Amino acid sequence: MATVAENRYGKEGVRLVRVHRSPYNGNTFDEWTVRVLIEGDFNSSYTDADNSKVLPTDTMKNT
């Protein structure tokens, strides 16, 4: 019987942007590109078709 050795998944290339608004110094713009990885006990999603513990990757991107 097969076993799940490691449970990790995520989304690559998620862009985060923050604008700091200042009437005195002008606006500054920070931008990051990150990778979001989630680890956990997701065995039931593979063995029992129970996806209640799984977070969709588009939700990671839009949060």
PDB file of N, CA and C in Angstrom:
ATOM      1  N   MET A   1       0.836  -1.179   0.000  1.00  0.00           N
ATOM      2  CA  MET A   1       0.000   0.000   0.000  1.00  0.00           C
ATOM      3  C   MET A   1       0.887   1.252   0.000  1.00  0.00           C
ATOM      4  N   ALA A   2       0.528   2.216  -0.774  1.00  0.00           N
ATOM      5  CA  ALA A   2       1.286   3.465  -0.864  1.00  0.00           C
ATOM      6  C   ALA A   2       0.985   4.355   0.336  1.00  0.00           C
ATOM      7  N   THR A   3       1.988   5.123   0.754  1.00  0.00           N
ATOM      8  CA  THR A   3       1.802   6.081   1.839  1.00  0.00           C
ATOM      9  C   THR A   3       2.273   7.450   1.378  1.00  0.00           C
ATOM     10  N   VAL A   4       1.688   8.472   1.955  1.00  0.00           N
ATOM     11  CA  VAL A   4       2.071   9.843   1.651  1.00  0.00           C
ATOM     12  C   VAL A   4       3.219  10.207   2.582  1.00  0.00           C
ATOM     13  N   ALA A   5       4.376  10.543   2.013  1.00  0.00           N
ATOM     14  CA  ALA A   5       5.561  10.816   2.818  1.00  0.00           C
ATOM     15  C   ALA A   5       5.609  12.262   3.299  1.00  0.00           C
ATOM     16  N   GLU A   6       5.168  13.183   2.474  1.00  0.00           N
ATOM     17  CA  GLU A   6       5.263  14.596   2.821  1.00  0.00           C
ATOM     18  C   GLU A   6       4.060  15.324   2.240  1.00  0.00           C
ATOM     19  N   ASN A   7       3.472  16.206   3.030  1.00  0.00           N
ATOM     20  CA  ASN A   7       2.305  16.961   2.580  1.00  0.00           C
ATOM     21  C   ASN A   7       2.647  18.439   2.531  1.00  0.00           C
ATOM     22  N   ARG A   8       2.898  18.929   1.323  1.00  0.00           N
ATOM     23  CA  ARG A   8       3.204  20.341   1.141  1.00  0.00           C
ATOM     24  C   ARG A   8       2.716  20.748  -0.239  1.00  0.00           C
ATOM     25  N   TYR A   9       2.084  21.896  -0.314  1.00  0.00           N
ATOM     26  CA  TYR A   9       1.670  22.429  -1.607  1.00  0.00           C
ATOM     27  C   TYR A   9       1.601  23.939  -1.483  1.00  0.00           C
ATOM     28  N   GLY A  10       1.463  24.630  -2.605  1.00  0.00           N
ATOM     29  CA  GLY A  10       1.424  26.075  -2.516  1.00  0.00           C
ATOM     30  C   GLY A  10       1.291  26.749  -3.858  1.00  0.00           C
ATOM     31  N   LYS A  11       1.687  28.004  -3.867  1.00  0.00           N
ATOM     32  CA  LYS A  11       1.559  28.860  -5.045  1.00  0.00           C
ATOM     33  C   LYS A  11       2.857  29.637  -5.204  1.00  0.00           C
ATOM     34  N   GLU A  12       3.377  29.657  -6.414  1.00  0.00           N
ATOM     35  CA  GLU A  12       4.635  30.336  -6.734  1.00  0.00           C
ATOM     36  C   GLU A  12       4.329  31.652  -7.445  1.00  0.00           C
ATOM     37  N   GLY A  13       5.147  32.664  -7.205  1.00  0.00           N
ATOM     38  CA  GLY A  13       5.031  33.921  -7.939  1.00  0.00           C
ATOM     39  C   GLY A  13       3.863  34.793  -7.509  1.00  0.00           C
ATOM     40  N   VAL A  14       3.528  34.787  -6.225  1.00  0.00           N
ATOM     41  CA  VAL A  14       2.448  35.634  -5.710  1.00  0.00           C
ATOM     42  C   VAL A  14       3.019  37.025  -5.481  1.00  0.00           C
ATOM     43  N   ARG A  15       2.383  38.031  -6.067  1.00  0.00           N
ATOM     44  CA  ARG A  15       2.857  39.412  -5.928  1.00  0.00           C
ATOM     45  C   ARG A  15       2.132  40.105  -4.784  1.00  0.00           C
ATOM     46  N   LEU A  16       2.910  40.730  -3.911  1.00  0.00           N
ATOM     47  CA  LEU A  16       2.371  41.545  -2.826  1.00  0.00           C
ATOM     48  C   LEU A  16       2.806  42.981  -3.062  1.00  0.00           C
ATOM     49  N   VAL A  17       1.873  43.901  -2.875  1.00  0.00           N
ATOM     50  CA  VAL A  17       2.167  45.315  -3.098  1.00  0.00           C
ATOM     51  C   VAL A  17       1.645  46.110  -1.911  1.00  0.00           C
ATOM     52  N   ARG A  18       2.452  47.062  -1.458  1.00  0.00           N
ATOM     53  CA  ARG A  18       2.005  47.968  -0.405  1.00  0.00           C
ATOM     54  C   ARG A  18       2.406  49.383  -0.786  1.00  0.00           C
ATOM     55  N   VAL A  19       1.451  50.288  -0.688  1.00  0.00           N
ATOM     56  CA  VAL A  19       1.695  51.700  -0.974  1.00  0.00           C
ATOM     57  C   VAL A  19       1.640  52.458   0.348  1.00  0.00           C
ATOM     58  N   HIS A  20       2.699  53.190   0.654  1.00  0.00           N
ATOM     59  CA  HIS A  20       2.748  54.043   1.835  1.00  0.00           C
ATOM     60  C   HIS A  20       2.446  55.464   1.360  1.00  0.00           C
ATOM     61  N   ARG A  21       1.330  55.996   1.786  1.00  0.00           N
ATOM     62  CA  ARG A  21       0.932  57.336   1.346  1.00  0.00           C
ATOM     63  C   ARG A  21       1.362  58.369   2.391  1.00  0.00           C
ATOM     64  N   SER A  22       2.020  59.405   1.936  1.00  0.00           N
ATOM     65  CA  SER A  22       2.476  60.467   2.821  1.00  0.00           C
ATOM     66  C   SER A  22       2.313  61.805   2.107  1.00  0.00           C
ATOM     67  N   PRO A  23       1.536  62.711   2.675  1.00  0.00           N
ATOM     68  CA  PRO A  23       1.368  64.020   2.026  1.00  0.00           C
ATOM     69  C   PRO A  23       2.642  64.864   2.072  1.00  0.00           C
ATOM     70  N   TYR A  24       3.579  64.526   2.956  1.00  0.00           N
ATOM     71  CA  TYR A  24       4.790  65.328   3.121  1.00  0.00           C
ATOM     72  C   TYR A  24       5.960  64.808   2.295  1.00  0.00           C
ATOM     73  N   ASN A  25       6.100  63.497   2.205  1.00  0.00           N
ATOM     74  CA  ASN A  25       7.254  62.909   1.524  1.00  0.00           C
ATOM     75  C   ASN A  25       6.902  62.246   0.203  1.00  0.00           C
ATOM     76  N   GLY A  26       5.667  62.284  -0.201  1.00  0.00           N
ATOM     77  CA  GLY A  26       5.253  61.569  -1.405  1.00  0.00           C
ATOM     78  C   GLY A  26       4.967  60.110  -1.073  1.00  0.00           C
ATOM     79  N   ASN A  27       4.515  59.392  -2.046  1.00  0.00           N
ATOM     80  CA  ASN A  27       4.154  57.995  -1.841  1.00  0.00           C
ATOM     81  C   ASN A  27       5.347  57.087  -2.118  1.00  0.00           C
ATOM     82  N   THR A  28       5.448  56.023  -1.345  1.00  0.00           N
ATOM     83  CA  THR A  28       6.446  54.995  -1.620  1.00  0.00           C
ATOM     84  C   THR A  28       5.720  53.698  -1.934  1.00  0.00           C
ATOM     85  N   PHE A  29       6.349  52.911  -2.745  1.00  0.00           N
ATOM     86  CA  PHE A  29       5.735  51.702  -3.285  1.00  0.00           C
ATOM     87  C   PHE A  29       6.669  50.530  -3.024  1.00  0.00           C
ATOM     88  N   ASP A  30       6.184  49.536  -2.295  1.00  0.00           N
ATOM     89  CA  ASP A  30       6.965  48.321  -2.043  1.00  0.00           C
ATOM     90  C   ASP A  30       6.291  47.159  -2.751  1.00  0.00           C
ATOM     91  N   GLU A  31       7.104  46.307  -3.365  1.00  0.00           N
ATOM     92  CA  GLU A  31       6.567  45.148  -4.075  1.00  0.00           C
ATOM     93  C   GLU A  31       7.438  43.933  -3.782  1.00  0.00           C
ATOM     94  N   TRP A  32       6.785  42.797  -3.504  1.00  0.00           N
ATOM     95  CA  TRP A  32       7.477  41.540  -3.258  1.00  0.00           C
ATOM     96  C   TRP A  32       6.853  40.457  -4.119  1.00  0.00           C
ATOM     97  N   THR A  33       7.647  39.524  -4.560  1.00  0.00           N
ATOM     98  CA  THR A  33       7.163  38.309  -5.205  1.00  0.00           C
ATOM     99  C   THR A  33       7.548  37.154  -4.290  1.00  0.00           C
ATOM    100  N   VAL A  34       6.540  36.406  -3.848  1.00  0.00           N
ATOM    101  CA  VAL A  34       6.774  35.382  -2.830  1.00  0.00           C
ATOM    102  C   VAL A  34       6.238  34.030  -3.274  1.00  0.00           C
ATOM    103  N   ARG A  35       6.644  33.011  -2.558  1.00  0.00           N
ATOM    104  CA  ARG A  35       6.113  31.657  -2.725  1.00  0.00           C
ATOM    105  C   ARG A  35       5.393  31.305  -1.428  1.00  0.00           C
ATOM    106  N   VAL A  36       4.160  30.844  -1.531  1.00  0.00           N
ATOM    107  CA  VAL A  36       3.362  30.451  -0.370  1.00  0.00           C
ATOM    108  C   VAL A  36       3.334  28.931  -0.318  1.00  0.00           C
ATOM    109  N   LEU A  37       3.798  28.359   0.797  1.00  0.00           N
ATOM    110  CA  LEU A  37       3.772  26.911   0.983  1.00  0.00           C
ATOM    111  C   LEU A  37       2.989  26.583   2.240  1.00  0.00           C
ATOM    112  N   ILE A  38       2.145  25.587   2.145  1.00  0.00           N
ATOM    113  CA  ILE A  38       1.360  25.129   3.288  1.00  0.00           C
ATOM    114  C   ILE A  38       1.749  23.686   3.562  1.00  0.00           C
ATOM    115  N   GLU A  39       2.048  23.388   4.814  1.00  0.00           N
ATOM    116  CA  GLU A  39       2.360  22.023   5.225  1.00  0.00           C
ATOM    117  C   GLU A  39       1.351  21.599   6.272  1.00  0.00           C
ATOM    118  N   GLY A  40       1.033  20.317   6.294  1.00  0.00           N
ATOM    119  CA  GLY A  40       0.107  19.844   7.308  1.00  0.00           C
ATOM    120  C   GLY A  40      -0.276  18.397   7.101  1.00  0.00           C
ATOM    121  N   ASP A  41      -1.252  17.977   7.863  1.00  0.00           N
ATOM    122  CA  ASP A  41      -1.751  16.611   7.803  1.00  0.00           C
ATOM    123  C   ASP A  41      -2.893  16.556   6.791  1.00  0.00           C
ATOM    124  N   PHE A  42      -2.547  16.355   5.532  1.00  0.00           N
ATOM    125  CA  PHE A  42      -3.536  16.305   4.455  1.00  0.00           C
ATOM    126  C   PHE A  42      -3.735  14.893   3.921  1.00  0.00           C
ATOM    127  N   ASN A  43      -3.314  13.887   4.671  1.00  0.00           N
ATOM    128  CA  ASN A  43      -3.430  12.505   4.198  1.00  0.00           C
ATOM    129  C   ASN A  43      -4.855  12.135   3.816  1.00  0.00           C
ATOM    130  N   SER A  44      -5.838  12.621   4.576  1.00  0.00           N
ATOM    131  CA  SER A  44      -7.229  12.259   4.288  1.00  0.00           C
ATOM    132  C   SER A  44      -7.691  12.780   2.932  1.00  0.00           C
ATOM    133  N   SER A  45      -7.076  13.841   2.432  1.00  0.00           N
ATOM    134  CA  SER A  45      -7.471  14.335   1.107  1.00  0.00           C
ATOM    135  C   SER A  45      -7.040  13.377   0.007  1.00  0.00           C
ATOM    136  N   TYR A  46      -5.977  12.610   0.249  1.00  0.00           N
ATOM    137  CA  TYR A  46      -5.509  11.626  -0.728  1.00  0.00           C
ATOM    138  C   TYR A  46      -6.147  10.254  -0.524  1.00  0.00           C
ATOM    139  N   THR A  47      -6.323   9.862   0.727  1.00  0.00           N
ATOM    140  CA  THR A  47      -6.772   8.496   1.006  1.00  0.00           C
ATOM    141  C   THR A  47      -8.279   8.356   1.146  1.00  0.00           C
ATOM    142  N   ASP A  48      -8.967   9.415   1.625  1.00  0.00           N
ATOM    143  CA  ASP A  48     -10.412   9.343   1.870  1.00  0.00           C
ATOM    144  C   ASP A  48     -11.215  10.328   1.029  1.00  0.00           C
ATOM    145  N   ALA A  49     -10.568  11.039   0.112  1.00  0.00           N
ATOM    146  CA  ALA A  49     -11.223  12.057  -0.725  1.00  0.00           C
ATOM    147  C   ALA A  49     -11.905  13.128   0.124  1.00  0.00           C
ATOM    148  N   ASP A  50     -11.276  13.481   1.249  1.00  0.00           N
ATOM    149  CA  ASP A  50     -11.800  14.505   2.150  1.00  0.00           C
ATOM    150  C   ASP A  50     -10.947  15.761   2.000  1.00  0.00           C
ATOM    151  N   ASN A  51     -11.456  16.748   1.286  1.00  0.00           N
ATOM    152  CA  ASN A  51     -10.697  17.972   1.021  1.00  0.00           C
ATOM    153  C   ASN A  51     -11.006  19.090   2.009  1.00  0.00           C
ATOM    154  N   SER A  52     -11.579  18.770   3.155  1.00  0.00           N
ATOM    155  CA  SER A  52     -11.963  19.808   4.112  1.00  0.00           C
ATOM    156  C   SER A  52     -10.754  20.530   4.713  1.00  0.00           C
ATOM    157  N   LYS A  53      -9.583  19.931   4.714  1.00  0.00           N
ATOM    158  CA  LYS A  53      -8.377  20.560   5.268  1.00  0.00           C
ATOM    159  C   LYS A  53      -7.552  21.292   4.215  1.00  0.00           C
ATOM    160  N   VAL A  54      -7.940  21.197   2.957  1.00  0.00           N
ATOM    161  CA  VAL A  54      -7.145  21.746   1.860  1.00  0.00           C
ATOM    162  C   VAL A  54      -7.573  23.181   1.573  1.00  0.00           C
ATOM    163  N   LEU A  55      -6.596  24.072   1.438  1.00  0.00           N
ATOM    164  CA  LEU A  55      -6.836  25.460   1.064  1.00  0.00           C
ATOM    165  C   LEU A  55      -6.529  25.613  -0.420  1.00  0.00           C
ATOM    166  N   PRO A  56      -7.508  26.041  -1.240  1.00  0.00           N
ATOM    167  CA  PRO A  56      -7.244  26.193  -2.679  1.00  0.00           C
ATOM    168  C   PRO A  56      -6.125  27.207  -2.937  1.00  0.00           C
ATOM    169  N   THR A  57      -5.310  26.939  -3.938  1.00  0.00           N
ATOM    170  CA  THR A  57      -4.169  27.816  -4.200  1.00  0.00           C
ATOM    171  C   THR A  57      -4.603  29.201  -4.668  1.00  0.00           C
ATOM    172  N   ASP A  58      -5.740  29.342  -5.320  1.00  0.00           N
ATOM    173  CA  ASP A  58      -6.205  30.679  -5.690  1.00  0.00           C
ATOM    174  C   ASP A  58      -6.594  31.485  -4.459  1.00  0.00           C
ATOM    175  N   THR A  59      -7.039  30.826  -3.405  1.00  0.00           N
ATOM    176  CA  THR A  59      -7.321  31.519  -2.149  1.00  0.00           C
ATOM    177  C   THR A  59      -6.037  32.053  -1.545  1.00  0.00           C
ATOM    178  N   MET A  60      -4.950  31.314  -1.652  1.00  0.00           N
ATOM    179  CA  MET A  60      -3.652  31.799  -1.169  1.00  0.00           C
ATOM    180  C   MET A  60      -3.250  33.059  -1.914  1.00  0.00           C
ATOM    181  N   LYS A  61      -3.507  33.067  -3.197  1.00  0.00           N
ATOM    182  CA  LYS A  61      -3.102  34.186  -4.047  1.00  0.00           C
ATOM    183  C   LYS A  61      -3.927  35.432  -3.754  1.00  0.00           C
ATOM    184  N   ASN A  62      -5.203  35.277  -3.415  1.00  0.00           N
ATOM    185  CA  ASN A  62      -6.104  36.418  -3.271  1.00  0.00           C
ATOM    186  C   ASN A  62      -6.308  36.864  -1.837  1.00  0.00           C
ATOM    187  N   THR A  63      -5.540  36.328  -0.912  1.00  0.00           N
ATOM    188  CA  THR A  63      -5.739  36.670   0.500  1.00  0.00           C
ATOM    189  C   THR A  63      -4.848  37.816   0.895  1.00  0.00           C
TER     190      THR A  63
END
